[in-house]
Amino acid sequence: MSLKATSVRLDDETLARIGQMADAMDRPRAWLMAEAIKQYVAREEWFLLEVEKGVKAAEEGRLIDHKDIKAKWEAKRAAQMD
């Protein structure tokens, strides 16, 4: 995979924190920023896919009533407290 250079504007404090983390990890700042962006993009892609699945389920009428979900979680919490 070829890499492309890009630029990001960051405030001094954030850039300093990234520098400290990169030093602690013995990695270049660019590696750390690229890794952070990859993880962010993966999380957001997952979230958007899950939202699409939820919208599709709602459109198809596959819904669970709020009181049923609440009862399920209250029972689970009560079981954990025992």
PDB file of N, CA and C in Angstrom:
ATOM      1  N   MET A   1       0.854  -1.168   0.000  1.00  0.00           N
ATOM      2  CA  MET A   1       0.000   0.000   0.000  1.00  0.00           C
ATOM      3  C   MET A   1       0.901   1.232   0.000  1.00  0.00           C
ATOM      4  N   SER A   2       0.619   2.143  -0.885  1.00  0.00           N
ATOM      5  CA  SER A   2       1.405   3.379  -0.906  1.00  0.00           C
ATOM      6  C   SER A   2       0.813   4.384   0.083  1.00  0.00           C
ATOM      7  N   LEU A   3       1.692   5.166   0.671  1.00  0.00           N
ATOM      8  CA  LEU A   3       1.270   6.165   1.645  1.00  0.00           C
ATOM      9  C   LEU A   3       1.282   7.539   1.007  1.00  0.00           C
ATOM     10  N   LYS A   4       0.339   8.358   1.365  1.00  0.00           N
ATOM     11  CA  LYS A   4       0.241   9.724   0.872  1.00  0.00           C
ATOM     12  C   LYS A   4       0.429  10.679   2.039  1.00  0.00           C
ATOM     13  N   ALA A   5       1.139  11.738   1.806  1.00  0.00           N
ATOM     14  CA  ALA A   5       1.326  12.762   2.831  1.00  0.00           C
ATOM     15  C   ALA A   5       0.104  13.672   2.864  1.00  0.00           C
ATOM     16  N   THR A   6      -0.244  14.087   4.059  1.00  0.00           N
ATOM     17  CA  THR A   6      -1.329  15.038   4.245  1.00  0.00           C
ATOM     18  C   THR A   6      -0.967  15.919   5.435  1.00  0.00           C
ATOM     19  N   SER A   7      -1.753  16.923   5.679  1.00  0.00           N
ATOM     20  CA  SER A   7      -1.450  17.775   6.826  1.00  0.00           C
ATOM     21  C   SER A   7      -2.684  17.897   7.711  1.00  0.00           C
ATOM     22  N   VAL A   8      -2.416  18.088   8.989  1.00  0.00           N
ATOM     23  CA  VAL A   8      -3.470  18.248   9.982  1.00  0.00           C
ATOM     24  C   VAL A   8      -3.070  19.424  10.865  1.00  0.00           C
ATOM     25  N   ARG A   9      -4.010  20.296  11.136  1.00  0.00           N
ATOM     26  CA  ARG A   9      -3.731  21.419  12.027  1.00  0.00           C
ATOM     27  C   ARG A   9      -4.150  21.038  13.443  1.00  0.00           C
ATOM     28  N   LEU A  10      -3.181  21.126  14.365  1.00  0.00           N
ATOM     29  CA  LEU A  10      -3.429  20.786  15.760  1.00  0.00           C
ATOM     30  C   LEU A  10      -2.958  21.920  16.651  1.00  0.00           C
ATOM     31  N   ASP A  11      -3.624  22.067  17.790  1.00  0.00           N
ATOM     32  CA  ASP A  11      -3.163  23.069  18.747  1.00  0.00           C
ATOM     33  C   ASP A  11      -1.867  22.570  19.401  1.00  0.00           C
ATOM     34  N   ASP A  12      -1.128  23.492  19.989  1.00  0.00           N
ATOM     35  CA  ASP A  12       0.179  23.172  20.569  1.00  0.00           C
ATOM     36  C   ASP A  12       0.090  22.091  21.639  1.00  0.00           C
ATOM     37  N   GLU A  13      -0.922  22.175  22.488  1.00  0.00           N
ATOM     38  CA  GLU A  13      -1.044  21.197  23.574  1.00  0.00           C
ATOM     39  C   GLU A  13      -1.243  19.787  23.049  1.00  0.00           C
ATOM     40  N   THR A  14      -2.141  19.632  22.070  1.00  0.00           N
ATOM     41  CA  THR A  14      -2.399  18.302  21.506  1.00  0.00           C
ATOM     42  C   THR A  14      -1.151  17.766  20.825  1.00  0.00           C
ATOM     43  N   LEU A  15      -0.486  18.612  20.076  1.00  0.00           N
ATOM     44  CA  LEU A  15       0.733  18.180  19.384  1.00  0.00           C
ATOM     45  C   LEU A  15       1.804  17.766  20.390  1.00  0.00           C
ATOM     46  N   ALA A  16       1.921  18.493  21.491  1.00  0.00           N
ATOM     47  CA  ALA A  16       2.901  18.132  22.519  1.00  0.00           C
ATOM     48  C   ALA A  16       2.549  16.787  23.146  1.00  0.00           C
ATOM     49  N   ARG A  17       1.274  16.565  23.401  1.00  0.00           N
ATOM     50  CA  ARG A  17       0.839  15.293  23.980  1.00  0.00           C
ATOM     51  C   ARG A  17       1.112  14.136  23.028  1.00  0.00           C
ATOM     52  N   ILE A  18       0.873  14.359  21.751  1.00  0.00           N
ATOM     53  CA  ILE A  18       1.177  13.326  20.751  1.00  0.00           C
ATOM     54  C   ILE A  18       2.675  13.051  20.742  1.00  0.00           C
ATOM     55  N   GLY A  19       3.453  14.100  20.812  1.00  0.00           N
ATOM     56  CA  GLY A  19       4.908  13.933  20.840  1.00  0.00           C
ATOM     57  C   GLY A  19       5.363  13.127  22.050  1.00  0.00           C
ATOM     58  N   GLN A  20       4.784  13.402  23.206  1.00  0.00           N
ATOM     59  CA  GLN A  20       5.126  12.660  24.416  1.00  0.00           C
ATOM     60  C   GLN A  20       4.749  11.184  24.292  1.00  0.00           C
ATOM     61  N   MET A  21       3.573  10.940  23.761  1.00  0.00           N
ATOM     62  CA  MET A  21       3.146   9.551  23.573  1.00  0.00           C
ATOM     63  C   MET A  21       4.046   8.832  22.580  1.00  0.00           C
ATOM     64  N   ALA A  22       4.361   9.492  21.485  1.00  0.00           N
ATOM     65  CA  ALA A  22       5.227   8.894  20.471  1.00  0.00           C
ATOM     66  C   ALA A  22       6.593   8.572  21.066  1.00  0.00           C
ATOM     67  N   ASP A  23       7.142   9.486  21.858  1.00  0.00           N
ATOM     68  CA  ASP A  23       8.438   9.241  22.505  1.00  0.00           C
ATOM     69  C   ASP A  23       8.350   8.035  23.433  1.00  0.00           C
ATOM     70  N   ALA A  24       7.283   7.966  24.230  1.00  0.00           N
ATOM     71  CA  ALA A  24       7.115   6.860  25.169  1.00  0.00           C
ATOM     72  C   ALA A  24       6.988   5.520  24.444  1.00  0.00           C
ATOM     73  N   MET A  25       6.413   5.552  23.254  1.00  0.00           N
ATOM     74  CA  MET A  25       6.212   4.330  22.470  1.00  0.00           C
ATOM     75  C   MET A  25       7.379   4.054  21.535  1.00  0.00           C
ATOM     76  N   ASP A  26       8.332   4.975  21.502  1.00  0.00           N
ATOM     77  CA  ASP A  26       9.475   4.877  20.590  1.00  0.00           C
ATOM     78  C   ASP A  26       9.014   4.749  19.135  1.00  0.00           C
ATOM     79  N   ARG A  27       8.057   5.593  18.807  1.00  0.00           N
ATOM     80  CA  ARG A  27       7.486   5.638  17.452  1.00  0.00           C
ATOM     81  C   ARG A  27       7.509   7.078  16.973  1.00  0.00           C
ATOM     82  N   PRO A  28       7.520   7.275  15.670  1.00  0.00           N
ATOM     83  CA  PRO A  28       7.409   8.650  15.147  1.00  0.00           C
ATOM     84  C   PRO A  28       6.006   9.210  15.391  1.00  0.00           C
ATOM     85  N   ARG A  29       5.913  10.525  15.510  1.00  0.00           N
ATOM     86  CA  ARG A  29       4.603  11.164  15.665  1.00  0.00           C
ATOM     87  C   ARG A  29       3.673  10.801  14.526  1.00  0.00           C
ATOM     88  N   ALA A  30       4.210  10.769  13.315  1.00  0.00           N
ATOM     89  CA  ALA A  30       3.377  10.469  12.142  1.00  0.00           C
ATOM     90  C   ALA A  30       2.744   9.084  12.259  1.00  0.00           C
ATOM     91  N   TRP A  31       3.495   8.113  12.790  1.00  0.00           N
ATOM     92  CA  TRP A  31       2.948   6.772  12.956  1.00  0.00           C
ATOM     93  C   TRP A  31       1.783   6.807  13.935  1.00  0.00           C
ATOM     94  N   LEU A  32       1.984   7.502  15.058  1.00  0.00           N
ATOM     95  CA  LEU A  32       0.952   7.581  16.078  1.00  0.00           C
ATOM     96  C   LEU A  32      -0.308   8.257  15.542  1.00  0.00           C
ATOM     97  N   MET A  33      -0.150   9.336  14.824  1.00  0.00           N
ATOM     98  CA  MET A  33      -1.318  10.034  14.266  1.00  0.00           C
ATOM     99  C   MET A  33      -2.026   9.170  13.229  1.00  0.00           C
ATOM    100  N   ALA A  34      -1.263   8.468  12.394  1.00  0.00           N
ATOM    101  CA  ALA A  34      -1.874   7.591  11.399  1.00  0.00           C
ATOM    102  C   ALA A  34      -2.647   6.466  12.079  1.00  0.00           C
ATOM    103  N   GLU A  35      -2.072   5.889  13.131  1.00  0.00           N
ATOM    104  CA  GLU A  35      -2.739   4.814  13.861  1.00  0.00           C
ATOM    105  C   GLU A  35      -4.030   5.321  14.507  1.00  0.00           C
ATOM    106  N   ALA A  36      -3.977   6.508  15.099  1.00  0.00           N
ATOM    107  CA  ALA A  36      -5.174   7.086  15.723  1.00  0.00           C
ATOM    108  C   ALA A  36      -6.271   7.312  14.683  1.00  0.00           C
ATOM    109  N   ILE A  37      -5.904   7.807  13.531  1.00  0.00           N
ATOM    110  CA  ILE A  37      -6.896   8.052  12.477  1.00  0.00           C
ATOM    111  C   ILE A  37      -7.476   6.738  11.977  1.00  0.00           C
ATOM    112  N   LYS A  38      -6.651   5.714  11.803  1.00  0.00           N
ATOM    113  CA  LYS A  38      -7.152   4.401  11.363  1.00  0.00           C
ATOM    114  C   LYS A  38      -8.171   3.852  12.354  1.00  0.00           C
ATOM    115  N   GLN A  39      -7.847   3.938  13.643  1.00  0.00           N
ATOM    116  CA  GLN A  39      -8.767   3.424  14.654  1.00  0.00           C
ATOM    117  C   GLN A  39     -10.067   4.227  14.681  1.00  0.00           C
ATOM    118  N   TYR A  40      -9.964   5.541  14.556  1.00  0.00           N
ATOM    119  CA  TYR A  40     -11.152   6.391  14.535  1.00  0.00           C
ATOM    120  C   TYR A  40     -12.045   6.033  13.342  1.00  0.00           C
ATOM    121  N   VAL A  41     -11.440   5.896  12.178  1.00  0.00           N
ATOM    122  CA  VAL A  41     -12.210   5.581  10.969  1.00  0.00           C
ATOM    123  C   VAL A  41     -12.888   4.216  11.114  1.00  0.00           C
ATOM    124  N   ALA A  42     -12.180   3.234  11.666  1.00  0.00           N
ATOM    125  CA  ALA A  42     -12.771   1.909  11.855  1.00  0.00           C
ATOM    126  C   ALA A  42     -13.967   1.973  12.798  1.00  0.00           C
ATOM    127  N   ARG A  43     -13.850   2.714  13.905  1.00  0.00           N
ATOM    128  CA  ARG A  43     -14.974   2.846  14.841  1.00  0.00           C
ATOM    129  C   ARG A  43     -16.162   3.535  14.195  1.00  0.00           C
ATOM    130  N   GLU A  44     -15.911   4.599  13.469  1.00  0.00           N
ATOM    131  CA  GLU A  44     -17.003   5.341  12.837  1.00  0.00           C
ATOM    132  C   GLU A  44     -17.669   4.520  11.741  1.00  0.00           C
ATOM    133  N   GLU A  45     -16.886   3.765  10.974  1.00  0.00           N
ATOM    134  CA  GLU A  45     -17.480   2.886   9.960  1.00  0.00           C
ATOM    135  C   GLU A  45     -18.385   1.858  10.620  1.00  0.00           C
ATOM    136  N   TRP A  46     -17.911   1.259  11.724  1.00  0.00           N
ATOM    137  CA  TRP A  46     -18.720   0.287  12.454  1.00  0.00           C
ATOM    138  C   TRP A  46     -20.017   0.941  12.936  1.00  0.00           C
ATOM    139  N   PHE A  47     -19.902   2.125  13.532  1.00  0.00           N
ATOM    140  CA  PHE A  47     -21.073   2.820  14.057  1.00  0.00           C
ATOM    141  C   PHE A  47     -22.093   3.095  12.947  1.00  0.00           C
ATOM    142  N   LEU A  48     -21.628   3.614  11.833  1.00  0.00           N
ATOM    143  CA  LEU A  48     -22.542   3.920  10.727  1.00  0.00           C
ATOM    144  C   LEU A  48     -23.222   2.662  10.201  1.00  0.00           C
ATOM    145  N   LEU A  49     -22.485   1.562  10.122  1.00  0.00           N
ATOM    146  CA  LEU A  49     -23.074   0.304   9.676  1.00  0.00           C
ATOM    147  C   LEU A  49     -24.149  -0.165  10.656  1.00  0.00           C
ATOM    148  N   GLU A  50     -23.870  -0.045  11.946  1.00  0.00           N
ATOM    149  CA  GLU A  50     -24.855  -0.454  12.950  1.00  0.00           C
ATOM    150  C   GLU A  50     -26.096   0.432  12.901  1.00  0.00           C
ATOM    151  N   VAL A  51     -25.917   1.718  12.668  1.00  0.00           N
ATOM    152  CA  VAL A  51     -27.074   2.616  12.530  1.00  0.00           C
ATOM    153  C   VAL A  51     -27.900   2.205  11.317  1.00  0.00           C
ATOM    154  N   GLU A  52     -27.240   1.916  10.202  1.00  0.00           N
ATOM    155  CA  GLU A  52     -27.963   1.475   9.003  1.00  0.00           C
ATOM    156  C   GLU A  52     -28.739   0.196   9.276  1.00  0.00           C
ATOM    157  N   LYS A  53     -28.132  -0.742  10.008  1.00  0.00           N
ATOM    158  CA  LYS A  53     -28.826  -1.978  10.347  1.00  0.00           C
ATOM    159  C   LYS A  53     -30.040  -1.683  11.224  1.00  0.00           C
ATOM    160  N   GLY A  54     -29.901  -0.762  12.158  1.00  0.00           N
ATOM    161  CA  GLY A  54     -31.014  -0.395  13.022  1.00  0.00           C
ATOM    162  C   GLY A  54     -32.145   0.263  12.259  1.00  0.00           C
ATOM    163  N   VAL A  55     -31.795   1.147  11.351  1.00  0.00           N
ATOM    164  CA  VAL A  55     -32.816   1.818  10.531  1.00  0.00           C
ATOM    165  C   VAL A  55     -33.547   0.783   9.679  1.00  0.00           C
ATOM    166  N   LYS A  56     -32.788  -0.141   9.093  1.00  0.00           N
ATOM    167  CA  LYS A  56     -33.410  -1.181   8.267  1.00  0.00           C
ATOM    168  C   LYS A  56     -34.347  -2.045   9.111  1.00  0.00           C
ATOM    169  N   ALA A  57     -33.901  -2.418  10.307  1.00  0.00           N
ATOM    170  CA  ALA A  57     -34.749  -3.226  11.194  1.00  0.00           C
ATOM    171  C   ALA A  57     -36.026  -2.470  11.543  1.00  0.00           C
ATOM    172  N   ALA A  58     -35.905  -1.183  11.818  1.00  0.00           N
ATOM    173  CA  ALA A  58     -37.084  -0.374  12.149  1.00  0.00           C
ATOM    174  C   ALA A  58     -38.032  -0.292  10.960  1.00  0.00           C
ATOM    175  N   GLU A  59     -37.480  -0.095   9.779  1.00  0.00           N
ATOM    176  CA  GLU A  59     -38.314  -0.020   8.575  1.00  0.00           C
ATOM    177  C   GLU A  59     -39.051  -1.330   8.321  1.00  0.00           C
ATOM    178  N   GLU A  60     -38.424  -2.447   8.734  1.00  0.00           N
ATOM    179  CA  GLU A  60     -39.046  -3.765   8.542  1.00  0.00           C
ATOM    180  C   GLU A  60     -39.956  -4.139   9.715  1.00  0.00           C
ATOM    181  N   GLY A  61     -40.050  -3.241  10.690  1.00  0.00           N
ATOM    182  CA  GLY A  61     -40.928  -3.488  11.833  1.00  0.00           C
ATOM    183  C   GLY A  61     -40.311  -4.390  12.893  1.00  0.00           C
ATOM    184  N   ARG A  62     -39.018  -4.660  12.791  1.00  0.00           N
ATOM    185  CA  ARG A  62     -38.344  -5.506  13.781  1.00  0.00           C
ATOM    186  C   ARG A  62     -37.873  -4.628  14.939  1.00  0.00           C
ATOM    187  N   LEU A  63     -38.803  -4.334  15.830  1.00  0.00           N
ATOM    188  CA  LEU A  63     -38.528  -3.457  16.965  1.00  0.00           C
ATOM    189  C   LEU A  63     -38.838  -4.185  18.260  1.00  0.00           C
ATOM    190  N   ILE A  64     -38.178  -3.756  19.336  1.00  0.00           N
ATOM    191  CA  ILE A  64     -38.442  -4.296  20.665  1.00  0.00           C
ATOM    192  C   ILE A  64     -38.943  -3.140  21.522  1.00  0.00           C
ATOM    193  N   ASP A  65     -40.021  -3.373  22.223  1.00  0.00           N
ATOM    194  CA  ASP A  65     -40.608  -2.333  23.053  1.00  0.00           C
ATOM    195  C   ASP A  65     -39.645  -1.924  24.164  1.00  0.00           C
ATOM    196  N   HIS A  66     -39.613  -0.641  24.456  1.00  0.00           N
ATOM    197  CA  HIS A  66     -38.704  -0.096  25.471  1.00  0.00           C
ATOM    198  C   HIS A  66     -38.882  -0.777  26.820  1.00  0.00           C
ATOM    199  N   LYS A  67     -40.139  -1.027  27.234  1.00  0.00           N
ATOM    200  CA  LYS A  67     -40.373  -1.630  28.550  1.00  0.00           C
ATOM    201  C   LYS A  67     -39.795  -3.039  28.618  1.00  0.00           C
ATOM    202  N   ASP A  68     -39.769  -3.766  27.491  1.00  0.00           N
ATOM    203  CA  ASP A  68     -39.186  -5.112  27.471  1.00  0.00           C
ATOM    204  C   ASP A  68     -37.669  -5.059  27.637  1.00  0.00           C
ATOM    205  N   ILE A  69     -37.044  -4.123  26.972  1.00  0.00           N
ATOM    206  CA  ILE A  69     -35.592  -3.946  27.101  1.00  0.00           C
ATOM    207  C   ILE A  69     -35.244  -3.518  28.518  1.00  0.00           C
ATOM    208  N   LYS A  70     -36.009  -2.576  29.056  1.00  0.00           N
ATOM    209  CA  LYS A  70     -35.761  -2.091  30.409  1.00  0.00           C
ATOM    210  C   LYS A  70     -35.886  -3.227  31.416  1.00  0.00           C
ATOM    211  N   ALA A  71     -36.897  -4.055  31.278  1.00  0.00           N
ATOM    212  CA  ALA A  71     -37.095  -5.182  32.191  1.00  0.00           C
ATOM    213  C   ALA A  71     -35.934  -6.170  32.082  1.00  0.00           C
ATOM    214  N   LYS A  72     -35.473  -6.405  30.880  1.00  0.00           N
ATOM    215  CA  LYS A  72     -34.345  -7.330  30.674  1.00  0.00           C
ATOM    216  C   LYS A  72     -33.107  -6.825  31.407  1.00  0.00           C
ATOM    217  N   TRP A  73     -32.795  -5.539  31.246  1.00  0.00           N
ATOM    218  CA  TRP A  73     -31.587  -4.987  31.860  1.00  0.00           C
ATOM    219  C   TRP A  73     -31.725  -4.848  33.362  1.00  0.00           C
ATOM    220  N   GLU A  74     -32.906  -4.565  33.843  1.00  0.00           N
ATOM    221  CA  GLU A  74     -33.114  -4.500  35.291  1.00  0.00           C
ATOM    222  C   GLU A  74     -32.935  -5.885  35.917  1.00  0.00           C
ATOM    223  N   ALA A  75     -33.414  -6.921  35.243  1.00  0.00           N
ATOM    224  CA  ALA A  75     -33.236  -8.289  35.730  1.00  0.00           C
ATOM    225  C   ALA A  75     -31.757  -8.671  35.715  1.00  0.00           C
ATOM    226  N   LYS A  76     -31.061  -8.271  34.679  1.00  0.00           N
ATOM    227  CA  LYS A  76     -29.628  -8.578  34.587  1.00  0.00           C
ATOM    228  C   LYS A  76     -28.871  -7.876  35.710  1.00  0.00           C
ATOM    229  N   ARG A  77     -29.180  -6.623  35.952  1.00  0.00           N
ATOM    230  CA  ARG A  77     -28.513  -5.863  37.010  1.00  0.00           C
ATOM    231  C   ARG A  77     -28.821  -6.474  38.369  1.00  0.00           C
ATOM    232  N   ALA A  78     -30.056  -6.877  38.596  1.00  0.00           N
ATOM    233  CA  ALA A  78     -30.435  -7.494  39.870  1.00  0.00           C
ATOM    234  C   ALA A  78     -29.676  -8.807  40.082  1.00  0.00           C
ATOM    235  N   ALA A  79     -29.499  -9.594  39.019  1.00  0.00           N
ATOM    236  CA  ALA A  79     -28.773 -10.856  39.122  1.00  0.00           C
ATOM    237  C   ALA A  79     -27.309 -10.619  39.455  1.00  0.00           C
ATOM    238  N   GLN A  80     -26.736  -9.532  38.971  1.00  0.00           N
ATOM    239  CA  GLN A  80     -25.341  -9.220  39.252  1.00  0.00           C
ATOM    240  C   GLN A  80     -25.149  -8.769  40.691  1.00  0.00           C
ATOM    241  N   MET A  81     -26.184  -8.224  41.295  1.00  0.00           N
ATOM    242  CA  MET A  81     -26.083  -7.718  42.660  1.00  0.00           C
ATOM    243  C   MET A  81     -26.236  -8.839  43.681  1.00  0.00           C
ATOM    244  N   ASP A  82     -26.757 -10.000  43.246  1.00  0.00           N
ATOM    245  CA  ASP A  82     -26.936 -11.132  44.171  1.00  0.00           C
ATOM    246  C   ASP A  82     -25.620 -11.798  44.498  1.00  0.00           C
TER     247      ASP A  82
END
